[in-house]
Amino acid sequence: MATMEGLREIVKEGYKKWAEENEKTASELRAISEAAKEMTEEEIKQYYEELQFKYFTASFLKTSLNMYEKMQEETQENIQNEE
């Protein structure tokens, strides 16, 4: 069973990782903001469209992976039920 100190360490490490990820995201957003100051309106629109496409692609792939994993689980359950 985990001790209170062990749980504190887990929470501390989780928070540290979360803070690092947020700082990375904040740094990326600051860099994008600085770059956007020098972009034309057309370049900004194109960049936004690319981001939308990347988000759509990532979302589609995640959904597809989830469906594939669920089908694998169901297939495995069916095999076990038949045995």
Protein backbone atom coordinates (compact mmCIF):
# COMPACT_ATOMS: atom_id res chain seq x y z
CA MET A 1 0.00 0.00 0.00
CA ALA A 2 1.28 3.48 -0.85
CA THR A 3 2.34 5.67 2.03
CA MET A 4 1.33 9.30 2.41
CA GLU A 5 4.91 10.34 1.57
CA GLY A 6 4.80 8.22 -1.58
CA LEU A 7 1.52 9.83 -2.60
CA ARG A 8 3.00 13.28 -1.99
CA GLU A 9 5.94 12.42 -4.26
CA ILE A 10 3.58 11.21 -7.00
CA VAL A 11 1.55 14.42 -6.79
CA LYS A 12 4.72 16.53 -6.69
CA GLU A 13 6.13 14.81 -9.80
CA GLY A 14 2.80 15.09 -11.60
CA TYR A 15 2.59 18.80 -10.83
CA LYS A 16 6.19 19.31 -11.94
CA LYS A 17 5.49 17.59 -15.27
CA TRP A 18 2.29 19.62 -15.73
CA ALA A 19 4.17 22.88 -15.02
CA GLU A 20 6.92 21.96 -17.51
CA GLU A 21 4.36 21.16 -20.21
CA ASN A 22 2.50 24.42 -19.55
CA GLU A 23 5.73 26.41 -19.73
CA LYS A 24 6.57 24.74 -23.04
CA THR A 25 3.11 25.58 -24.38
CA ALA A 26 3.40 29.17 -23.12
CA SER A 27 6.81 29.52 -24.79
CA GLU A 28 5.41 28.20 -28.06
CA LEU A 29 2.47 30.61 -27.86
CA ARG A 30 4.81 33.54 -27.20
CA ALA A 31 6.93 32.54 -30.21
CA ILE A 32 3.82 32.26 -32.42
CA SER A 33 2.61 35.65 -31.18
CA GLU A 34 5.94 37.28 -32.03
CA ALA A 35 6.01 35.63 -35.46
CA ALA A 36 2.42 36.70 -36.14
CA LYS A 37 3.38 40.35 -35.70
CA GLU A 38 5.45 40.04 -38.87
CA MET A 39 2.94 37.98 -40.87
CA THR A 40 0.56 39.32 -43.45
CA GLU A 41 -3.15 38.69 -43.08
CA GLU A 42 -2.96 36.02 -45.79
CA GLU A 43 -0.09 34.23 -44.00
CA ILE A 44 -2.04 34.26 -40.74
CA LYS A 45 -5.11 32.79 -42.47
CA GLN A 46 -2.97 30.06 -44.06
CA TYR A 47 -1.30 29.26 -40.72
CA TYR A 48 -4.71 29.08 -39.02
CA GLU A 49 -6.01 26.71 -41.72
CA GLU A 50 -2.94 24.49 -41.26
CA LEU A 51 -3.54 24.38 -37.51
CA GLN A 52 -7.19 23.46 -38.06
CA PHE A 53 -6.15 20.66 -40.42
CA LYS A 54 -3.56 19.34 -37.94
CA TYR A 55 -6.15 19.39 -35.14
CA PHE A 56 -8.71 17.62 -37.33
CA THR A 57 -6.14 15.01 -38.37
CA ALA A 58 -5.04 14.39 -34.78
CA SER A 59 -8.65 14.13 -33.63
CA PHE A 60 -9.52 11.75 -36.46
CA LEU A 61 -6.50 9.55 -35.74
CA LYS A 62 -7.28 9.46 -32.02
CA THR A 63 -10.89 8.48 -32.71
CA SER A 64 -9.76 5.82 -35.18
CA LEU A 65 -7.27 4.40 -32.69
CA ASN A 66 -9.92 4.28 -29.96
CA MET A 67 -12.32 2.46 -32.30
CA TYR A 68 -9.59 0.00 -33.32
CA GLU A 69 -8.69 -0.72 -29.69
CA LYS A 70 -12.36 -1.25 -28.81
CA MET A 71 -12.79 -3.64 -31.75
CA GLN A 72 -9.69 -5.55 -30.62
CA GLU A 73 -11.09 -5.84 -27.10
CA GLU A 74 -14.45 -7.07 -28.41
CA THR A 75 -12.75 -9.58 -30.71
CA GLN A 76 -10.66 -10.87 -27.82
CA GLU A 77 -13.78 -11.18 -25.64
CA ASN A 78 -15.59 -13.06 -28.42
CA ILE A 79 -12.67 -15.46 -28.80
CA GLN A 80 -12.61 -16.09 -25.05
CA ASN A 81 -16.38 -16.62 -24.96
CA GLU A 82 -16.20 -19.17 -27.77
CA GLU A 83 -13.52 -21.20 -25.99
